[in-house]
Protein backbone atom coordinates (compact mmCIF):
# COMPACT_ATOMS: atom_id res chain seq x y z
CA MET A 1 -44.12 66.86 -21.03
CA ALA A 2 -42.28 69.30 -23.03
CA ASP A 3 -39.97 67.90 -25.80
CA TYR A 4 -36.69 69.62 -26.35
CA ASP A 5 -35.46 67.72 -29.33
CA GLU A 6 -35.54 70.90 -31.47
CA LYS A 7 -34.05 73.28 -28.90
CA TYR A 8 -31.25 74.24 -31.64
CA THR A 9 -33.47 74.54 -34.38
CA ILE A 10 -36.93 75.87 -33.29
CA GLY A 11 -37.82 79.37 -34.37
CA ALA A 12 -38.30 81.99 -31.97
CA LEU A 13 -41.23 83.94 -31.38
CA THR A 14 -41.42 87.36 -32.78
CA GLY A 15 -43.80 90.61 -32.74
CA LYS A 16 -45.48 89.42 -35.80
CA GLY A 17 -47.00 86.67 -33.87
CA ILE A 18 -48.27 88.74 -31.11
CA GLY A 19 -51.68 90.27 -31.28
CA VAL A 20 -53.40 92.27 -28.73
CA LEU A 21 -57.14 92.17 -28.47
CA PHE A 22 -59.75 94.11 -26.24
CA GLY A 23 -63.15 93.44 -25.23
CA VAL A 24 -65.55 96.13 -24.83
CA ILE A 25 -68.64 95.71 -22.56
CA HIS A 26 -71.99 96.19 -23.71
CA GLU A 27 -75.06 95.87 -21.32
CA GLY A 28 -78.73 96.29 -21.64
CA ILE A 29 -78.83 96.15 -25.54
CA THR A 30 -81.98 95.21 -27.04
CA PRO A 31 -81.83 91.93 -29.52
CA THR A 32 -84.09 91.58 -32.34
CA GLY A 33 -86.63 88.82 -32.31
CA THR A 34 -90.40 88.47 -32.21
CA ILE A 35 -91.73 88.36 -28.55
CA ASP A 36 -94.99 86.38 -28.96
CA GLY A 37 -94.56 83.44 -26.64
CA SER A 38 -93.42 80.96 -29.22
CA ASN A 39 -90.29 82.54 -30.66
CA LYS A 40 -86.75 81.42 -28.94
CA ASP A 41 -84.36 82.97 -31.48
CA PHE A 42 -82.82 86.58 -30.52
CA THR A 43 -80.19 88.31 -32.65
CA ILE A 44 -77.60 90.45 -31.36
CA ASP A 45 -76.48 92.48 -34.38
CA PRO A 46 -72.66 91.13 -35.30
CA ASP A 47 -72.24 94.19 -37.56
CA GLU A 48 -72.57 96.53 -34.44
CA TYR A 49 -71.51 94.43 -31.44
CA GLY A 50 -69.14 91.81 -33.39
CA PRO A 51 -67.02 90.19 -33.53
CA PHE A 52 -67.80 88.94 -30.05
CA TYR A 53 -65.27 88.40 -27.38
CA PRO A 54 -64.94 85.18 -25.53
CA ALA A 55 -65.10 86.97 -21.96
CA ASN A 56 -66.06 83.76 -19.62
CA SER A 57 -65.12 80.60 -21.56
CA TYR A 58 -61.29 81.03 -22.29
CA PRO A 59 -61.61 78.92 -25.66
CA LYS A 60 -58.56 77.80 -27.33
CA ASP A 61 -59.89 79.13 -30.65
CA PHE A 62 -60.93 82.62 -29.32
CA ILE A 63 -64.43 82.18 -30.59
CA SER A 64 -67.28 82.95 -28.23
CA THR A 65 -69.34 80.40 -26.51
CA LYS A 66 -72.94 80.56 -25.10
CA SER A 67 -71.40 81.30 -21.73
CA ASP A 68 -70.10 84.62 -23.00
CA VAL A 69 -73.54 86.11 -23.59
CA ALA A 70 -76.39 86.98 -21.34
CA VAL A 71 -79.94 87.48 -22.48
CA TYR A 72 -82.57 88.74 -19.69
CA VAL A 73 -86.36 88.23 -20.04
CA ASP A 74 -87.99 91.16 -17.73
CA GLY A 75 -84.68 91.55 -15.86
CA VAL A 76 -84.14 87.57 -15.10
CA ALA A 77 -81.19 85.66 -16.79
CA ALA A 78 -82.82 83.30 -19.36
CA THR A 79 -81.19 80.08 -20.29
CA ILE A 80 -79.32 80.02 -23.50
CA SER A 81 -79.47 76.60 -25.36
CA SER A 82 -77.36 77.66 -28.40
CA TRP A 83 -75.22 80.61 -29.60
CA THR A 84 -74.00 81.33 -33.01
CA PRO A 85 -71.26 83.85 -32.99
CA SER A 86 -71.25 84.18 -36.86
CA THR A 87 -74.82 85.40 -36.89
CA GLY A 88 -75.40 86.72 -33.30
CA VAL A 89 -78.43 84.60 -32.70
CA ALA A 90 -78.90 83.24 -29.35
CA THR A 91 -81.53 80.46 -28.82
CA LEU A 92 -83.32 80.39 -25.59
CA SER A 93 -84.43 77.29 -23.84
CA ALA A 94 -88.07 78.73 -23.45
CA ALA A 95 -89.74 81.38 -25.46
CA PRO A 96 -90.37 84.66 -23.48
CA ALA A 97 -94.04 85.46 -22.91
CA ALA A 98 -95.77 88.22 -25.17
CA LYS A 99 -95.00 91.70 -24.11
CA SER A 100 -91.90 90.53 -22.09
CA VAL A 101 -88.87 92.92 -22.09
CA VAL A 102 -85.87 91.15 -23.70
CA THR A 103 -82.35 92.61 -23.07
CA ALA A 104 -78.71 91.24 -23.49
CA ASP A 105 -75.10 91.72 -22.49
CA ILE A 106 -72.31 91.19 -24.85
CA VAL A 107 -68.53 91.98 -24.99
CA GLU A 108 -67.30 93.27 -28.30
CA GLN A 109 -64.08 92.39 -29.72
CA ARG A 110 -61.85 95.09 -31.18
CA GLU A 111 -58.26 94.75 -32.46
CA LEU A 112 -56.83 98.22 -32.50
CA TYR A 113 -54.07 99.50 -34.80
CA ILE A 114 -51.19 100.26 -35.64
CA ALA A 115 -49.57 98.43 -32.49
CA GLN A 116 -45.98 99.16 -32.10
CA ASN A 117 -44.99 97.01 -28.79
CA ALA A 118 -46.75 95.38 -26.10
CA LYS A 119 -45.36 94.59 -22.57
CA LEU A 120 -47.13 92.57 -19.83
CA THR A 121 -45.43 92.88 -16.22
CA PRO A 122 -46.17 91.55 -13.09
CA LYS A 123 -45.14 93.46 -9.99
CA GLN A 124 -45.48 91.81 -6.52
CA GLU A 125 -44.98 93.62 -3.16
CA THR A 126 -42.31 92.07 -1.27
CA ASP A 127 -40.72 92.73 2.10
CA ASP A 128 -37.59 91.62 4.00
CA LEU A 129 -38.11 89.54 6.80
CA ASP A 130 -35.44 89.40 9.49
CA GLN A 131 -35.39 86.91 12.15
CA LEU A 132 -33.58 86.81 15.81
CA ARG A 133 -30.76 84.39 16.00
CA ASN A 134 -30.73 84.00 12.26
CA PRO A 135 -28.39 85.94 9.93
CA VAL A 136 -30.22 85.25 6.93
CA THR A 137 -33.03 87.49 5.47
CA ARG A 138 -36.01 86.10 3.90
CA LYS A 139 -38.75 87.75 1.81
CA THR A 140 -42.25 87.84 2.30
CA TYR A 141 -44.82 88.17 -0.68
CA GLY A 142 -47.93 90.16 -0.95
CA ASN A 143 -50.32 91.23 -3.65
CA ILE A 144 -49.35 91.29 -7.29
CA GLU A 145 -50.31 94.16 -9.92
CA PHE A 146 -50.26 93.21 -13.50
CA THR A 147 -49.89 95.91 -16.21
CA LEU A 148 -49.97 95.82 -20.02
CA ALA A 149 -48.41 98.75 -21.68
CA ALA A 150 -48.57 99.31 -25.47
CA ASP A 151 -47.58 102.13 -27.77
CA TYR A 152 -49.79 102.64 -31.06
CA LYS A 153 -49.43 104.85 -34.06
CA VAL A 154 -52.77 106.81 -34.50
CA ALA A 155 -54.59 105.52 -37.59
CA ASP A 156 -57.96 106.58 -36.26
CA LEU A 157 -59.81 107.56 -33.13
CA GLU A 158 -60.93 104.06 -32.18
CA LEU A 159 -58.42 103.71 -29.21
CA MET A 160 -59.46 107.01 -27.95
CA LYS A 161 -63.12 105.79 -28.06
CA LEU A 162 -62.03 102.69 -26.17
CA ILE A 163 -61.38 104.84 -23.00
CA PHE A 164 -63.36 107.98 -23.37
CA ALA A 165 -67.04 107.86 -22.30
CA GLU A 166 -69.97 108.20 -24.57
CA THR A 167 -72.18 111.14 -23.82
CA ALA A 168 -75.78 111.94 -24.81
CA THR A 169 -74.59 113.99 -27.80
CA PRO A 170 -73.81 111.82 -30.76
CA GLY A 171 -70.14 111.83 -31.49
CA LYS A 172 -69.36 113.49 -28.26
CA TYR A 173 -67.04 111.57 -25.72
CA LEU A 174 -65.78 112.64 -22.41
CA TYR A 175 -62.66 111.49 -20.57
CA PRO A 176 -63.68 109.50 -17.58
CA THR A 177 -63.11 110.33 -14.01
CA GLU A 178 -62.16 106.55 -13.52
CA PRO A 179 -60.43 104.16 -16.06
CA PRO A 180 -63.24 102.18 -17.70
CA THR A 181 -63.28 98.49 -17.08
CA ILE A 182 -62.65 96.32 -20.24
CA TYR A 183 -61.36 92.77 -21.14
CA CYS A 184 -58.12 92.10 -22.85
CA ALA A 185 -56.19 89.05 -24.51
CA ILE A 186 -52.85 88.59 -26.05
CA LEU A 187 -52.91 86.03 -28.99
CA ILE A 188 -49.68 84.23 -29.55
CA GLU A 189 -49.63 82.99 -33.16
CA ASN A 190 -47.39 81.04 -35.41
CA THR A 191 -47.49 81.44 -39.21
CA VAL A 192 -46.02 78.70 -41.76
CA GLY A 193 -46.49 79.59 -45.14
CA SER A 194 -50.02 81.05 -45.50
CA THR A 195 -51.23 79.33 -42.44
CA THR A 196 -51.54 80.95 -39.22
CA THR A 197 -52.46 79.00 -36.06
CA ILE A 198 -52.91 80.01 -32.27
CA GLU A 199 -50.22 78.69 -29.83
CA GLY A 200 -51.44 80.19 -26.94
CA ILE A 201 -53.68 83.03 -25.56
CA ILE A 202 -53.23 85.07 -22.24
CA TYR A 203 -56.65 85.98 -21.07
CA CYS A 204 -56.84 89.07 -18.90
CA GLU A 205 -60.07 90.10 -17.03
CA ASP A 206 -61.24 92.97 -14.70
CA ALA A 207 -58.87 95.20 -16.41
CA ARG A 208 -58.88 98.82 -16.02
CA ALA A 209 -57.66 101.07 -19.19
CA ASN A 210 -55.99 104.31 -19.16
CA PHE A 211 -53.69 106.25 -21.34
CA SER A 212 -50.03 107.15 -20.57
CA ASP A 213 -50.14 109.57 -23.43
CA ILE A 214 -53.31 110.51 -24.99
CA LEU A 215 -51.45 112.01 -27.98
CA SER A 216 -47.87 112.54 -28.89
CA SER A 217 -46.92 114.06 -32.14
CA LYS A 218 -43.97 116.14 -33.59
CA ALA A 219 -43.34 117.92 -36.77
CA GLY A 220 -41.90 115.81 -39.57
CA LYS A 221 -42.80 112.45 -41.14
CA ASP A 222 -43.28 110.56 -37.77
CA ALA A 223 -46.79 109.11 -37.20
CA VAL A 224 -48.89 110.55 -34.42
CA GLU A 225 -48.73 108.09 -31.30
CA ASN A 226 -50.54 107.28 -28.09
CA GLY A 227 -49.50 105.22 -25.24
CA PHE A 228 -52.05 102.89 -23.79
CA GLU A 229 -51.93 101.10 -20.16
CA ILE A 230 -53.96 98.67 -18.54
CA THR A 231 -53.91 97.24 -15.27
CA PHE A 232 -55.51 94.05 -13.96
CA GLY A 233 -57.16 93.01 -10.86
CA THR A 234 -57.23 89.33 -11.60
CA ARG A 235 -54.43 87.12 -12.45
CA PRO A 236 -54.20 86.48 -16.12
CA THR A 237 -54.82 83.07 -17.61
CA LEU A 238 -52.43 81.53 -20.24
CA VAL A 239 -54.15 78.84 -22.35
CA VAL A 240 -51.84 76.58 -24.28
CA VAL A 241 -53.72 75.45 -27.40
CA ASP A 242 -51.80 71.92 -27.77
CA GLU A 243 -52.55 71.07 -24.09
CA VAL A 244 -56.30 71.81 -24.45
CA THR A 245 -58.34 68.57 -24.77
């Protein structure tokens, strides 16, 4: 139960305690590791694909677990006995046979800068319900759409690369015909002195990413901007750190 003893003194959350992190899906990548019938350790390069996004486990510390990575042996999902996100090493419960094909799926974590604002908004379909012999109108409630809108100052082209699709030509990206599917999380943090702790995380999945403005600029000292918008097909999940056992 909440304790309101500090209701007159507790500090309000501000923008400096809010972070927006994205998860980019990588499928069918080739991990490193000897395939000889005895080796069980396979590495997903953390320099290329890390830090790793916790896409399935909803951890309170926002550190990925073994349920957030998938390893396949000849197209069949293998059982992962342990996962070390700092090194990207996935240890399988059984060693793949020699000449097997080993692939992996992972979600890469990205925090884009420079974020100016973020707004997560639910919009639910409603309709007025009138009733015979009753002067009171009631409401019926339908589907809910969630939208995260954010504005960024353009520091580099990473935000654009999040939406533009890669082509066969290195360095060439094409605007997609449909918004790509990504993951997204909103971190709510509190800083006391030099220590920052996570108070809560809003996990968003089944998200479609799009631009409201690909690029917005004007003459003068103002930085170039772009507007970013994400819609969710699944209800967000709020993790309150203090309540997680």
